[in-house]
Amino acid sequence: MNILVFKTNLHNPELVNQARTVLQTIPGIQRWNVDMHDCDNVLRIEAGELSAQSVENLLQQAGYYCEELQD
């Protein structure tokens, strides 16, 4: 299981619910959540084989800011 972490602009429940429709289309995601109390509005995804770039691309195409946070 891979854990991917992203900085996003998902800063309120309405945006998270809108992004949910995009995230539900991505195969391999087991769980995900957004920490709206974090200054980076961190999106954390637990998934099998999934690239960070594909998540970034899909969310950015849907109009959201999404950038992988590196260690």
PDB file of N, CA and C in Angstrom:
ATOM      1  N   MET A   1       0.844  -1.180   0.000  1.00  0.00           N
ATOM      2  CA  MET A   1       0.000   0.000   0.000  1.00  0.00           C
ATOM      3  C   MET A   1       0.886   1.238   0.000  1.00  0.00           C
ATOM      4  N   ASN A   2       0.642   2.135  -0.927  1.00  0.00           N
ATOM      5  CA  ASN A   2       1.361   3.403  -1.022  1.00  0.00           C
ATOM      6  C   ASN A   2       0.560   4.494  -0.341  1.00  0.00           C
ATOM      7  N   ILE A   3       1.262   5.443   0.252  1.00  0.00           N
ATOM      8  CA  ILE A   3       0.617   6.624   0.812  1.00  0.00           C
ATOM      9  C   ILE A   3       1.148   7.830   0.058  1.00  0.00           C
ATOM     10  N   LEU A   4       0.237   8.556  -0.555  1.00  0.00           N
ATOM     11  CA  LEU A   4       0.580   9.754  -1.320  1.00  0.00           C
ATOM     12  C   LEU A   4       0.045  10.965  -0.560  1.00  0.00           C
ATOM     13  N   VAL A   5       0.821  12.039  -0.522  1.00  0.00           N
ATOM     14  CA  VAL A   5       0.434  13.236   0.229  1.00  0.00           C
ATOM     15  C   VAL A   5       0.587  14.451  -0.690  1.00  0.00           C
ATOM     16  N   PHE A   6      -0.461  15.278  -0.699  1.00  0.00           N
ATOM     17  CA  PHE A   6      -0.497  16.424  -1.611  1.00  0.00           C
ATOM     18  C   PHE A   6      -0.896  17.699  -0.888  1.00  0.00           C
ATOM     19  N   LYS A   7      -0.345  18.808  -1.334  1.00  0.00           N
ATOM     20  CA  LYS A   7      -0.799  20.135  -0.944  1.00  0.00           C
ATOM     21  C   LYS A   7      -1.927  20.495  -1.907  1.00  0.00           C
ATOM     22  N   THR A   8      -3.044  20.998  -1.372  1.00  0.00           N
ATOM     23  CA  THR A   8      -4.193  21.315  -2.231  1.00  0.00           C
ATOM     24  C   THR A   8      -4.815  22.659  -1.854  1.00  0.00           C
ATOM     25  N   ASN A   9      -5.833  23.031  -2.605  1.00  0.00           N
ATOM     26  CA  ASN A   9      -6.643  24.194  -2.256  1.00  0.00           C
ATOM     27  C   ASN A   9      -8.031  23.757  -1.761  1.00  0.00           C
ATOM     28  N   LEU A  10      -8.134  22.546  -1.264  1.00  0.00           N
ATOM     29  CA  LEU A  10      -9.411  22.012  -0.764  1.00  0.00           C
ATOM     30  C   LEU A  10      -9.595  22.466   0.684  1.00  0.00           C
ATOM     31  N   HIS A  11      -9.991  23.725   0.848  1.00  0.00           N
ATOM     32  CA  HIS A  11      -9.996  24.348   2.167  1.00  0.00           C
ATOM     33  C   HIS A  11     -11.349  24.387   2.859  1.00  0.00           C
ATOM     34  N   ASN A  12     -12.393  23.839   2.207  1.00  0.00           N
ATOM     35  CA  ASN A  12     -13.693  23.800   2.875  1.00  0.00           C
ATOM     36  C   ASN A  12     -14.458  22.540   2.451  1.00  0.00           C
ATOM     37  N   PRO A  13     -15.477  22.169   3.223  1.00  0.00           N
ATOM     38  CA  PRO A  13     -16.210  20.927   2.929  1.00  0.00           C
ATOM     39  C   PRO A  13     -16.843  20.902   1.538  1.00  0.00           C
ATOM     40  N   GLU A  14     -17.261  22.038   1.034  1.00  0.00           N
ATOM     41  CA  GLU A  14     -17.871  22.078  -0.305  1.00  0.00           C
ATOM     42  C   GLU A  14     -16.858  21.673  -1.381  1.00  0.00           C
ATOM     43  N   LEU A  15     -15.646  22.206  -1.294  1.00  0.00           N
ATOM     44  CA  LEU A  15     -14.610  21.840  -2.268  1.00  0.00           C
ATOM     45  C   LEU A  15     -14.216  20.371  -2.135  1.00  0.00           C
ATOM     46  N   VAL A  16     -14.152  19.879  -0.908  1.00  0.00           N
ATOM     47  CA  VAL A  16     -13.815  18.469  -0.702  1.00  0.00           C
ATOM     48  C   VAL A  16     -14.888  17.585  -1.330  1.00  0.00           C
ATOM     49  N   ASN A  17     -16.152  17.944  -1.146  1.00  0.00           N
ATOM     50  CA  ASN A  17     -17.233  17.151  -1.749  1.00  0.00           C
ATOM     51  C   ASN A  17     -17.197  17.207  -3.268  1.00  0.00           C
ATOM     52  N   GLN A  18     -16.842  18.346  -3.821  1.00  0.00           N
ATOM     53  CA  GLN A  18     -16.734  18.453  -5.272  1.00  0.00           C
ATOM     54  C   GLN A  18     -15.568  17.605  -5.790  1.00  0.00           C
ATOM     55  N   ALA A  19     -14.451  17.623  -5.079  1.00  0.00           N
ATOM     56  CA  ALA A  19     -13.288  16.835  -5.482  1.00  0.00           C
ATOM     57  C   ALA A  19     -13.536  15.341  -5.311  1.00  0.00           C
ATOM     58  N   ARG A  20     -14.448  14.987  -4.430  1.00  0.00           N
ATOM     59  CA  ARG A  20     -14.788  13.579  -4.199  1.00  0.00           C
ATOM     60  C   ARG A  20     -15.191  12.897  -5.506  1.00  0.00           C
ATOM     61  N   THR A  21     -15.925  13.595  -6.355  1.00  0.00           N
ATOM     62  CA  THR A  21     -16.364  12.994  -7.620  1.00  0.00           C
ATOM     63  C   THR A  21     -15.174  12.645  -8.510  1.00  0.00           C
ATOM     64  N   VAL A  22     -14.126  13.456  -8.461  1.00  0.00           N
ATOM     65  CA  VAL A  22     -12.913  13.166  -9.235  1.00  0.00           C
ATOM     66  C   VAL A  22     -12.166  11.997  -8.606  1.00  0.00           C
ATOM     67  N   LEU A  23     -11.989  12.050  -7.299  1.00  0.00           N
ATOM     68  CA  LEU A  23     -11.220  11.014  -6.603  1.00  0.00           C
ATOM     69  C   LEU A  23     -11.886   9.641  -6.715  1.00  0.00           C
ATOM     70  N   GLN A  24     -13.207   9.607  -6.786  1.00  0.00           N
ATOM     71  CA  GLN A  24     -13.918   8.334  -6.898  1.00  0.00           C
ATOM     72  C   GLN A  24     -13.715   7.671  -8.254  1.00  0.00           C
ATOM     73  N   THR A  25     -13.245   8.423  -9.230  1.00  0.00           N
ATOM     74  CA  THR A  25     -13.012   7.848 -10.564  1.00  0.00           C
ATOM     75  C   THR A  25     -11.630   7.216 -10.691  1.00  0.00           C
ATOM     76  N   ILE A  26     -10.779   7.414  -9.687  1.00  0.00           N
ATOM     77  CA  ILE A  26      -9.400   6.927  -9.769  1.00  0.00           C
ATOM     78  C   ILE A  26      -9.332   5.510  -9.203  1.00  0.00           C
ATOM     79  N   PRO A  27      -9.050   4.533 -10.061  1.00  0.00           N
ATOM     80  CA  PRO A  27      -8.955   3.159  -9.561  1.00  0.00           C
ATOM     81  C   PRO A  27      -7.744   2.978  -8.651  1.00  0.00           C
ATOM     82  N   GLY A  28      -7.899   2.143  -7.665  1.00  0.00           N
ATOM     83  CA  GLY A  28      -6.787   1.825  -6.778  1.00  0.00           C
ATOM     84  C   GLY A  28      -6.788   2.566  -5.461  1.00  0.00           C
ATOM     85  N   ILE A  29      -7.583   3.634  -5.346  1.00  0.00           N
ATOM     86  CA  ILE A  29      -7.624   4.367  -4.084  1.00  0.00           C
ATOM     87  C   ILE A  29      -8.429   3.557  -3.073  1.00  0.00           C
ATOM     88  N   GLN A  30      -7.791   3.284  -1.939  1.00  0.00           N
ATOM     89  CA  GLN A  30      -8.466   2.567  -0.854  1.00  0.00           C
ATOM     90  C   GLN A  30      -9.154   3.549   0.101  1.00  0.00           C
ATOM     91  N   ARG A  31      -8.407   4.585   0.498  1.00  0.00           N
ATOM     92  CA  ARG A  31      -8.922   5.612   1.402  1.00  0.00           C
ATOM     93  C   ARG A  31      -8.278   6.944   1.052  1.00  0.00           C
ATOM     94  N   TRP A  32      -8.997   8.006   1.398  1.00  0.00           N
ATOM     95  CA  TRP A  32      -8.418   9.335   1.244  1.00  0.00           C
ATOM     96  C   TRP A  32      -9.077  10.275   2.237  1.00  0.00           C
ATOM     97  N   ASN A  33      -8.357  11.341   2.589  1.00  0.00           N
ATOM     98  CA  ASN A  33      -8.937  12.378   3.441  1.00  0.00           C
ATOM     99  C   ASN A  33      -8.193  13.682   3.206  1.00  0.00           C
ATOM    100  N   VAL A  34      -8.836  14.763   3.619  1.00  0.00           N
ATOM    101  CA  VAL A  34      -8.242  16.093   3.493  1.00  0.00           C
ATOM    102  C   VAL A  34      -8.216  16.715   4.881  1.00  0.00           C
ATOM    103  N   ASP A  35      -7.054  17.202   5.286  1.00  0.00           N
ATOM    104  CA  ASP A  35      -6.910  17.899   6.561  1.00  0.00           C
ATOM    105  C   ASP A  35      -7.063  19.393   6.296  1.00  0.00           C
ATOM    106  N   MET A  36      -8.285  19.892   6.485  1.00  0.00           N
ATOM    107  CA  MET A  36      -8.564  21.306   6.223  1.00  0.00           C
ATOM    108  C   MET A  36      -8.015  22.213   7.315  1.00  0.00           C
ATOM    109  N   HIS A  37      -7.532  21.643   8.429  1.00  0.00           N
ATOM    110  CA  HIS A  37      -6.940  22.433   9.505  1.00  0.00           C
ATOM    111  C   HIS A  37      -5.448  22.660   9.276  1.00  0.00           C
ATOM    112  N   ASP A  38      -4.860  21.927   8.351  1.00  0.00           N
ATOM    113  CA  ASP A  38      -3.452  22.096   8.001  1.00  0.00           C
ATOM    114  C   ASP A  38      -3.329  23.266   7.022  1.00  0.00           C
ATOM    115  N   CYS A  39      -2.259  24.038   7.137  1.00  0.00           N
ATOM    116  CA  CYS A  39      -2.088  25.202   6.256  1.00  0.00           C
ATOM    117  C   CYS A  39      -1.968  24.805   4.786  1.00  0.00           C
ATOM    118  N   ASP A  40      -1.587  23.546   4.506  1.00  0.00           N
ATOM    119  CA  ASP A  40      -1.467  23.067   3.131  1.00  0.00           C
ATOM    120  C   ASP A  40      -2.695  22.293   2.655  1.00  0.00           C
ATOM    121  N   ASN A  41      -3.754  22.226   3.496  1.00  0.00           N
ATOM    122  CA  ASN A  41      -4.964  21.468   3.138  1.00  0.00           C
ATOM    123  C   ASN A  41      -4.578  20.109   2.558  1.00  0.00           C
ATOM    124  N   VAL A  42      -3.879  19.342   3.366  1.00  0.00           N
ATOM    125  CA  VAL A  42      -3.242  18.112   2.916  1.00  0.00           C
ATOM    126  C   VAL A  42      -4.256  17.040   2.523  1.00  0.00           C
ATOM    127  N   LEU A  43      -4.090  16.548   1.304  1.00  0.00           N
ATOM    128  CA  LEU A  43      -4.833  15.395   0.799  1.00  0.00           C
ATOM    129  C   LEU A  43      -3.931  14.188   0.980  1.00  0.00           C
ATOM    130  N   ARG A  44      -4.419  13.187   1.714  1.00  0.00           N
ATOM    131  CA  ARG A  44      -3.654  11.963   1.962  1.00  0.00           C
ATOM    132  C   ARG A  44      -4.416  10.816   1.318  1.00  0.00           C
ATOM    133  N   ILE A  45      -3.728  10.077   0.455  1.00  0.00           N
ATOM    134  CA  ILE A  45      -4.352   8.973  -0.277  1.00  0.00           C
ATOM    135  C   ILE A  45      -3.612   7.682   0.039  1.00  0.00           C
ATOM    136  N   GLU A  46      -4.379   6.650   0.389  1.00  0.00           N
ATOM    137  CA  GLU A  46      -3.833   5.303   0.526  1.00  0.00           C
ATOM    138  C   GLU A  46      -4.292   4.523  -0.699  1.00  0.00           C
ATOM    139  N   ALA A  47      -3.338   3.977  -1.427  1.00  0.00           N
ATOM    140  CA  ALA A  47      -3.671   3.312  -2.686  1.00  0.00           C
ATOM    141  C   ALA A  47      -2.675   2.212  -2.991  1.00  0.00           C
ATOM    142  N   GLY A  48      -3.067   1.368  -3.920  1.00  0.00           N
ATOM    143  CA  GLY A  48      -2.158   0.348  -4.422  1.00  0.00           C
ATOM    144  C   GLY A  48      -1.199   1.003  -5.394  1.00  0.00           C
ATOM    145  N   GLU A  49      -1.212   0.544  -6.632  1.00  0.00           N
ATOM    146  CA  GLU A  49      -0.336   1.109  -7.663  1.00  0.00           C
ATOM    147  C   GLU A  49      -0.994   2.366  -8.220  1.00  0.00           C
ATOM    148  N   LEU A  50      -0.485   3.511  -7.811  1.00  0.00           N
ATOM    149  CA  LEU A  50      -1.037   4.778  -8.253  1.00  0.00           C
ATOM    150  C   LEU A  50       0.083   5.803  -8.250  1.00  0.00           C
ATOM    151  N   SER A  51       0.205   6.539  -9.340  1.00  0.00           N
ATOM    152  CA  SER A  51       1.253   7.552  -9.397  1.00  0.00           C
ATOM    153  C   SER A  51       0.730   8.894  -8.910  1.00  0.00           C
ATOM    154  N   ALA A  52       1.600   9.612  -8.229  1.00  0.00           N
ATOM    155  CA  ALA A  52       1.247  10.946  -7.758  1.00  0.00           C
ATOM    156  C   ALA A  52       0.921  11.858  -8.935  1.00  0.00           C
ATOM    157  N   GLN A  53       1.640  11.694 -10.025  1.00  0.00           N
ATOM    158  CA  GLN A  53       1.425  12.535 -11.207  1.00  0.00           C
ATOM    159  C   GLN A  53       0.009  12.367 -11.757  1.00  0.00           C
ATOM    160  N   SER A  54      -0.511  11.141 -11.749  1.00  0.00           N
ATOM    161  CA  SER A  54      -1.865  10.933 -12.283  1.00  0.00           C
ATOM    162  C   SER A  54      -2.907  11.617 -11.405  1.00  0.00           C
ATOM    163  N   VAL A  55      -2.712  11.590 -10.087  1.00  0.00           N
ATOM    164  CA  VAL A  55      -3.635  12.279  -9.177  1.00  0.00           C
ATOM    165  C   VAL A  55      -3.552  13.779  -9.416  1.00  0.00           C
ATOM    166  N   GLU A  56      -2.337  14.304  -9.475  1.00  0.00           N
ATOM    167  CA  GLU A  56      -2.160  15.736  -9.738  1.00  0.00           C
ATOM    168  C   GLU A  56      -2.850  16.142 -11.031  1.00  0.00           C
ATOM    169  N   ASN A  57      -2.623  15.397 -12.090  1.00  0.00           N
ATOM    170  CA  ASN A  57      -3.198  15.740 -13.392  1.00  0.00           C
ATOM    171  C   ASN A  57      -4.721  15.751 -13.356  1.00  0.00           C
ATOM    172  N   LEU A  58      -5.318  14.728 -12.774  1.00  0.00           N
ATOM    173  CA  LEU A  58      -6.778  14.658 -12.744  1.00  0.00           C
ATOM    174  C   LEU A  58      -7.382  15.793 -11.927  1.00  0.00           C
ATOM    175  N   LEU A  59      -6.816  16.070 -10.774  1.00  0.00           N
ATOM    176  CA  LEU A  59      -7.364  17.154  -9.952  1.00  0.00           C
ATOM    177  C   LEU A  59      -7.118  18.515 -10.589  1.00  0.00           C
ATOM    178  N   GLN A  60      -5.959  18.709 -11.200  1.00  0.00           N
ATOM    179  CA  GLN A  60      -5.679  19.984 -11.862  1.00  0.00           C
ATOM    180  C   GLN A  60      -6.591  20.191 -13.069  1.00  0.00           C
ATOM    181  N   GLN A  61      -6.864  19.130 -13.820  1.00  0.00           N
ATOM    182  CA  GLN A  61      -7.780  19.233 -14.960  1.00  0.00           C
ATOM    183  C   GLN A  61      -9.195  19.591 -14.501  1.00  0.00           C
ATOM    184  N   ALA A  62      -9.550  19.187 -13.277  1.00  0.00           N
ATOM    185  CA  ALA A  62     -10.865  19.503 -12.729  1.00  0.00           C
ATOM    186  C   ALA A  62     -10.893  20.896 -12.089  1.00  0.00           C
ATOM    187  N   GLY A  63      -9.743  21.593 -12.098  1.00  0.00           N
ATOM    188  CA  GLY A  63      -9.707  22.967 -11.615  1.00  0.00           C
ATOM    189  C   GLY A  63      -9.193  23.153 -10.198  1.00  0.00           C
ATOM    190  N   TYR A  64      -8.599  22.124  -9.609  1.00  0.00           N
ATOM    191  CA  TYR A  64      -8.081  22.210  -8.254  1.00  0.00           C
ATOM    192  C   TYR A  64      -6.562  22.331  -8.274  1.00  0.00           C
ATOM    193  N   TYR A  65      -6.024  22.957  -7.242  1.00  0.00           N
ATOM    194  CA  TYR A  65      -4.576  22.987  -7.068  1.00  0.00           C
ATOM    195  C   TYR A  65      -4.185  21.702  -6.354  1.00  0.00           C
ATOM    196  N   CYS A  66      -3.182  21.014  -6.843  1.00  0.00           N
ATOM    197  CA  CYS A  66      -2.725  19.769  -6.241  1.00  0.00           C
ATOM    198  C   CYS A  66      -1.252  19.583  -6.584  1.00  0.00           C
ATOM    199  N   GLU A  67      -0.427  19.477  -5.542  1.00  0.00           N
ATOM    200  CA  GLU A  67       1.005  19.286  -5.735  1.00  0.00           C
ATOM    201  C   GLU A  67       1.506  18.297  -4.685  1.00  0.00           C
ATOM    202  N   GLU A  68       2.215  17.263  -5.142  1.00  0.00           N
ATOM    203  CA  GLU A  68       2.729  16.259  -4.228  1.00  0.00           C
ATOM    204  C   GLU A  68       3.720  16.895  -3.253  1.00  0.00           C
ATOM    205  N   LEU A  69       3.585  16.528  -1.982  1.00  0.00           N
ATOM    206  CA  LEU A  69       4.546  16.953  -0.973  1.00  0.00           C
ATOM    207  C   LEU A  69       5.625  15.883  -0.872  1.00  0.00           C
ATOM    208  N   GLN A  70       6.862  16.296  -1.034  1.00  0.00           N
ATOM    209  CA  GLN A  70       8.000  15.392  -0.981  1.00  0.00           C
ATOM    210  C   GLN A  70       8.533  15.303   0.433  1.00  0.00           C
ATOM    211  N   ASP A  71       9.181  14.188   0.743  1.00  0.00           N
ATOM    212  CA  ASP A  71       9.810  14.029   2.067  1.00  0.00           C
ATOM    213  C   ASP A  71      10.935  15.006   2.254  1.00  0.00           C
TER     214      ASP A  71
END
